[in-house]
């Protein structure tokens, strides 16, 4: 089989910069926050969106800086933070202080409580992953925290099991994203990505009568992972890394109409 090609640190393309700067994950979280909110008919305060973007960036940037400092990882994003952490760290600190101030002074108490609980869970994640360094994979923890964070503002509007299922399916897509990237970048096959994505697609189709917009968005993301997995040997590792996040941007197709549907 032809191996997936890994780009050298100096071969970064313009389209790879959102990944190097940890901007891709905040964008994914933001579009899903909007989609959950519109489908659940919840008004999203601008503060909640700004805090979501900042929080996701802070988590991903911190995770990668810690990996870089401890010598973990040899991919372009790790090389980037290993070379530029002295520039990133002051920006990270300023963003953290601004996010803490914004949350304390502007978030409604209920949303602040949910966010605080998630923040404690994130701290526990960092303590375990970067402190204890367990043998188990961290992808599932990342996926659950990411999905909960993106859907936090919509929790108060959950009315049925189908609503919960859409959040669970989104967390499954986030997990597939993580394990697919891990497999594709390191040229091994721990997980049958295509099969997992097909199962999520089938489950999303089953929720269509209850939440059509969310189910179709999740179905299309799952379908995108199936296509990428089938073509992974023909695409560079860097391109696969970017396309794995692009696969989760399907809400962009539905946001204009989501408010009038479910």
Protein backbone atom coordinates (compact mmCIF):
# COMPACT_ATOMS: atom_id res chain seq x y z
CA UNK A 1 0.00 0.00 0.00
CA UNK A 2 1.14 3.54 -0.68
CA UNK A 3 1.85 5.32 2.64
CA UNK A 4 0.31 8.66 3.53
CA UNK A 5 2.86 11.41 3.03
CA UNK A 6 3.65 13.66 5.98
CA UNK A 7 4.77 17.20 5.19
CA UNK A 8 7.90 18.56 6.77
CA UNK A 9 7.59 21.44 9.24
CA UNK A 10 8.91 23.91 6.71
CA UNK A 11 6.53 22.80 3.97
CA UNK A 12 3.43 24.35 5.51
CA UNK A 13 0.93 25.69 3.03
CA UNK A 14 -1.38 28.64 3.52
CA UNK A 15 -4.36 26.31 3.90
CA UNK A 16 -2.59 24.59 6.80
CA UNK A 17 -2.26 27.76 8.89
CA UNK A 18 -5.72 27.53 10.54
CA UNK A 19 -4.64 24.15 11.88
CA UNK A 20 -1.20 25.37 12.95
CA UNK A 21 -2.78 28.34 14.77
CA UNK A 22 -5.48 26.14 16.37
CA UNK A 23 -8.26 28.11 14.67
CA UNK A 24 -10.01 25.20 12.97
CA UNK A 25 -11.53 23.67 16.11
CA UNK A 26 -13.06 26.97 17.33
CA UNK A 27 -14.72 27.43 13.94
CA UNK A 28 -16.21 23.93 14.06
CA UNK A 29 -17.49 24.52 17.60
CA UNK A 30 -19.02 27.86 16.62
CA UNK A 31 -21.02 26.61 13.62
CA UNK A 32 -22.41 23.70 15.64
CA UNK A 33 -23.30 26.03 18.50
CA UNK A 34 -25.30 28.14 16.04
CA UNK A 35 -26.98 25.09 14.53
CA UNK A 36 -27.98 23.58 17.87
CA UNK A 37 -29.27 26.94 19.06
CA UNK A 38 -31.35 27.62 15.95
CA UNK A 39 -32.77 24.11 15.77
CA UNK A 40 -33.65 24.23 19.48
CA UNK A 41 -34.95 27.81 19.02
CA UNK A 42 -32.57 29.35 21.55
CA UNK A 43 -31.25 32.88 21.18
CA UNK A 44 -27.47 32.87 21.34
CA UNK A 45 -25.89 35.80 23.14
CA UNK A 46 -22.76 37.11 21.46
CA UNK A 47 -20.89 36.66 24.72
CA UNK A 48 -21.54 32.91 24.70
CA UNK A 49 -20.17 32.62 21.15
CA UNK A 50 -17.06 34.68 21.90
CA UNK A 51 -16.40 32.61 25.01
CA UNK A 52 -16.86 29.35 23.12
CA UNK A 53 -14.34 30.40 20.47
CA UNK A 54 -11.85 31.61 23.09
CA UNK A 55 -12.29 28.55 25.29
CA UNK A 56 -11.76 26.06 22.47
CA UNK A 57 -8.70 27.96 21.23
CA UNK A 58 -7.25 28.14 24.76
CA UNK A 59 -7.72 24.39 25.27
CA UNK A 60 -6.25 23.36 21.92
CA UNK A 61 -3.35 25.81 22.11
CA UNK A 62 -2.53 24.72 25.68
CA UNK A 63 -2.73 21.05 24.74
CA UNK A 64 -0.34 21.54 21.85
CA UNK A 65 2.08 23.73 23.82
CA UNK A 66 2.27 21.08 26.55
CA UNK A 67 2.87 18.40 23.93
CA UNK A 68 5.60 20.54 22.39
CA UNK A 69 7.30 21.29 25.73
CA UNK A 70 7.37 17.62 26.72
CA UNK A 71 8.63 16.47 23.33
CA UNK A 72 5.41 14.70 22.39
CA UNK A 73 4.41 14.85 18.75
CA UNK A 74 6.44 15.44 15.61
CA UNK A 75 3.73 16.84 13.35
CA UNK A 76 3.70 20.35 11.82
CA UNK A 77 1.46 21.77 14.57
CA UNK A 78 3.82 20.46 17.26
CA UNK A 79 6.83 21.94 15.48
CA UNK A 80 4.97 25.25 15.20
CA UNK A 81 4.32 25.49 18.95
CA UNK A 82 7.82 24.25 19.75
CA UNK A 83 9.26 27.13 17.72
CA UNK A 84 6.77 29.87 18.58
CA UNK A 85 5.56 29.17 22.13
CA UNK A 86 7.27 32.31 23.44
CA UNK A 87 5.04 34.35 21.15
CA UNK A 88 1.91 32.28 21.71
CA UNK A 89 2.12 32.14 25.52
CA UNK A 90 1.57 35.89 26.15
CA UNK A 91 -1.35 35.85 23.70
CA UNK A 92 -2.74 32.77 25.43
CA UNK A 93 -2.47 34.45 28.83
CA UNK A 94 -4.24 37.59 27.61
CA UNK A 95 -7.00 35.52 26.00
CA UNK A 96 -7.44 33.50 29.20
CA UNK A 97 -7.74 36.61 31.38
CA UNK A 98 -10.18 38.22 28.96
CA UNK A 99 -12.30 35.06 28.77
CA UNK A 100 -12.39 34.75 32.58
CA UNK A 101 -13.44 38.39 32.94
CA UNK A 102 -16.09 38.08 30.22
CA UNK A 103 -17.57 34.93 31.74
CA UNK A 104 -17.65 36.39 35.27
CA UNK A 105 -19.21 39.71 34.28
CA UNK A 106 -21.46 38.93 31.32
CA UNK A 107 -22.67 35.31 31.35
CA UNK A 108 -26.09 34.47 32.84
CA UNK A 109 -25.69 32.49 36.07
CA UNK A 110 -27.13 29.27 34.60
CA UNK A 111 -24.80 29.30 31.61
CA UNK A 112 -21.88 30.31 33.83
CA UNK A 113 -22.55 27.26 36.01
CA UNK A 114 -22.52 24.91 33.04
CA UNK A 115 -19.37 26.48 31.70
CA UNK A 116 -17.66 26.27 35.08
CA UNK A 117 -18.50 22.56 35.35
CA UNK A 118 -17.04 21.97 31.88
CA UNK A 119 -13.94 23.98 32.83
CA UNK A 120 -13.39 21.68 35.82
CA UNK A 121 -13.75 18.67 33.51
CA UNK A 122 -11.16 20.19 31.15
CA UNK A 123 -8.75 20.74 34.06
CA UNK A 124 -9.21 17.10 35.04
CA UNK A 125 -8.48 16.12 31.43
CA UNK A 126 -5.22 18.10 31.45
CA UNK A 127 -4.19 16.68 34.82
CA UNK A 128 -4.73 13.12 33.63
CA UNK A 129 -3.43 13.37 30.07
CA UNK A 130 -0.39 15.59 30.73
CA UNK A 131 0.25 14.57 34.32
CA UNK A 132 -0.51 10.89 34.79
CA UNK A 133 -0.23 10.10 31.05
CA UNK A 134 -2.58 7.10 31.07
CA UNK A 135 -2.34 4.27 28.56
CA UNK A 136 -5.86 4.88 27.25
CA UNK A 137 -6.51 7.11 24.29
CA UNK A 138 -7.55 10.69 24.94
CA UNK A 139 -9.70 11.06 21.81
CA UNK A 140 -12.96 10.04 23.50
CA UNK A 141 -12.51 12.57 26.30
CA UNK A 142 -11.79 15.31 23.78
CA UNK A 143 -14.86 14.41 21.72
CA UNK A 144 -17.23 14.41 24.70
CA UNK A 145 -15.93 17.71 26.09
CA UNK A 146 -16.01 19.31 22.64
CA UNK A 147 -19.60 18.24 21.93
CA UNK A 148 -20.80 19.32 25.38
CA UNK A 149 -19.12 22.69 24.99
CA UNK A 150 -20.60 23.35 21.54
CA UNK A 151 -24.10 22.41 22.71
CA UNK A 152 -24.03 23.96 26.20
CA UNK A 153 -26.19 26.96 25.31
CA UNK A 154 -28.93 24.65 23.97
CA UNK A 155 -29.16 22.33 26.98
CA UNK A 156 -32.07 24.25 28.52
CA UNK A 157 -34.17 23.56 25.40
CA UNK A 158 -33.75 19.77 25.40
CA UNK A 159 -37.26 18.32 25.28
CA UNK A 160 -36.92 14.73 24.06
CA UNK A 161 -34.66 11.73 23.76
CA UNK A 162 -34.11 12.68 20.12
CA UNK A 163 -32.60 15.99 21.23
CA UNK A 164 -30.12 14.13 23.41
CA UNK A 165 -29.40 11.73 20.57
CA UNK A 166 -28.35 14.57 18.28
CA UNK A 167 -25.79 15.73 20.85
CA UNK A 168 -24.54 12.16 21.36
CA UNK A 169 -24.21 11.69 17.59
CA UNK A 170 -22.26 14.94 17.32
CA UNK A 171 -19.89 13.69 20.03
CA UNK A 172 -19.50 10.47 17.99
CA UNK A 173 -18.56 12.54 14.94
CA UNK A 174 -16.02 14.46 17.02
CA UNK A 175 -14.55 11.16 18.19
CA UNK A 176 -14.37 9.87 14.62
CA UNK A 177 -12.63 13.11 13.67
CA UNK A 178 -10.02 12.57 16.39
CA UNK A 179 -9.33 8.88 15.75
CA UNK A 180 -9.31 9.39 11.97
CA UNK A 181 -6.71 12.15 12.24
CA UNK A 182 -4.62 10.01 14.59
CA UNK A 183 -4.77 7.03 12.24
CA UNK A 184 -4.27 8.96 9.02
CA UNK A 185 -1.35 11.00 10.34
CA UNK A 186 0.50 8.02 11.79
CA UNK A 187 -0.29 5.67 8.92
CA UNK A 188 -1.96 2.95 10.93
CA UNK A 189 -5.50 1.62 11.23
CA UNK A 190 -6.56 1.20 14.83
CA UNK A 191 -10.17 2.00 14.03
CA UNK A 192 -12.44 1.18 11.07
CA UNK A 193 -13.24 4.84 10.42
CA UNK A 194 -15.52 4.16 7.46
CA UNK A 195 -17.57 1.60 9.37
CA UNK A 196 -17.91 3.88 12.41
CA UNK A 197 -18.98 6.76 10.20
CA UNK A 198 -21.54 4.53 8.46
CA UNK A 199 -23.04 3.61 11.83
CA UNK A 200 -23.34 7.28 12.76
CA UNK A 201 -24.92 8.04 9.39
CA UNK A 202 -27.52 5.31 9.98
CA UNK A 203 -28.27 6.61 13.48
CA UNK A 204 -28.56 10.17 12.15
CA UNK A 205 -31.03 9.01 9.51
CA UNK A 206 -33.14 7.45 12.28
CA UNK A 207 -33.44 10.81 14.06
CA UNK A 208 -34.57 12.63 10.90
CA UNK A 209 -38.32 12.68 11.75
CA UNK A 210 -37.56 14.45 15.04
CA UNK A 211 -34.65 16.76 14.19
CA UNK A 212 -34.36 16.89 10.38
CA UNK A 213 -31.80 19.69 10.06
CA UNK A 214 -29.44 18.36 12.71
CA UNK A 215 -29.78 14.79 11.46
CA UNK A 216 -28.99 15.74 7.86
CA UNK A 217 -25.98 17.82 8.93
CA UNK A 218 -24.68 14.90 10.98
CA UNK A 219 -25.43 12.44 8.17
CA UNK A 220 -23.44 14.53 5.68
CA UNK A 221 -20.49 14.85 8.07
CA UNK A 222 -20.48 11.08 8.52
CA UNK A 223 -20.65 10.62 4.75
CA UNK A 224 -17.67 12.96 4.34
CA UNK A 225 -15.62 10.80 6.72
CA UNK A 226 -16.55 7.69 4.71
CA UNK A 227 -15.33 9.33 1.49
CA UNK A 228 -12.11 10.60 3.10
CA UNK A 229 -11.36 7.19 4.59
CA UNK A 230 -11.78 5.51 1.22
CA UNK A 231 -9.40 8.01 -0.42
CA UNK A 232 -6.91 8.41 2.44
CA UNK A 233 -4.04 6.73 0.59
CA UNK A 234 -4.29 9.24 -2.24
CA UNK A 235 -4.23 12.36 -0.05
CA UNK A 236 -1.34 13.81 1.97
CA UNK A 237 -1.49 13.63 5.76
CA UNK A 238 -1.63 17.43 6.04
CA UNK A 239 -4.54 17.64 3.62
CA UNK A 240 -6.36 14.85 5.45
CA UNK A 241 -5.89 16.72 8.74
CA UNK A 242 -7.55 19.82 7.29
CA UNK A 243 -10.29 17.92 5.45
CA UNK A 244 -11.20 16.00 8.61
CA UNK A 245 -12.22 19.32 10.17
CA UNK A 246 -13.87 20.53 6.97
CA UNK A 247 -16.07 17.42 7.21
CA UNK A 248 -17.54 18.89 10.40
CA UNK A 249 -18.50 22.21 8.81
CA UNK A 250 -21.77 20.92 7.33
CA UNK A 251 -23.85 23.28 9.53
CA UNK A 252 -22.79 26.09 7.19
CA UNK A 253 -25.20 24.70 4.60
CA UNK A 254 -28.15 24.73 7.00
CA UNK A 255 -27.78 27.83 9.19
CA UNK A 256 -29.82 30.06 6.84
CA UNK A 257 -32.85 27.76 7.11
CA UNK A 258 -32.38 26.15 10.51
CA UNK A 259 -34.43 28.72 12.39
CA UNK A 260 -37.62 27.80 10.54
CA UNK A 261 -37.15 24.04 10.95
CA UNK A 262 -36.21 21.65 13.73
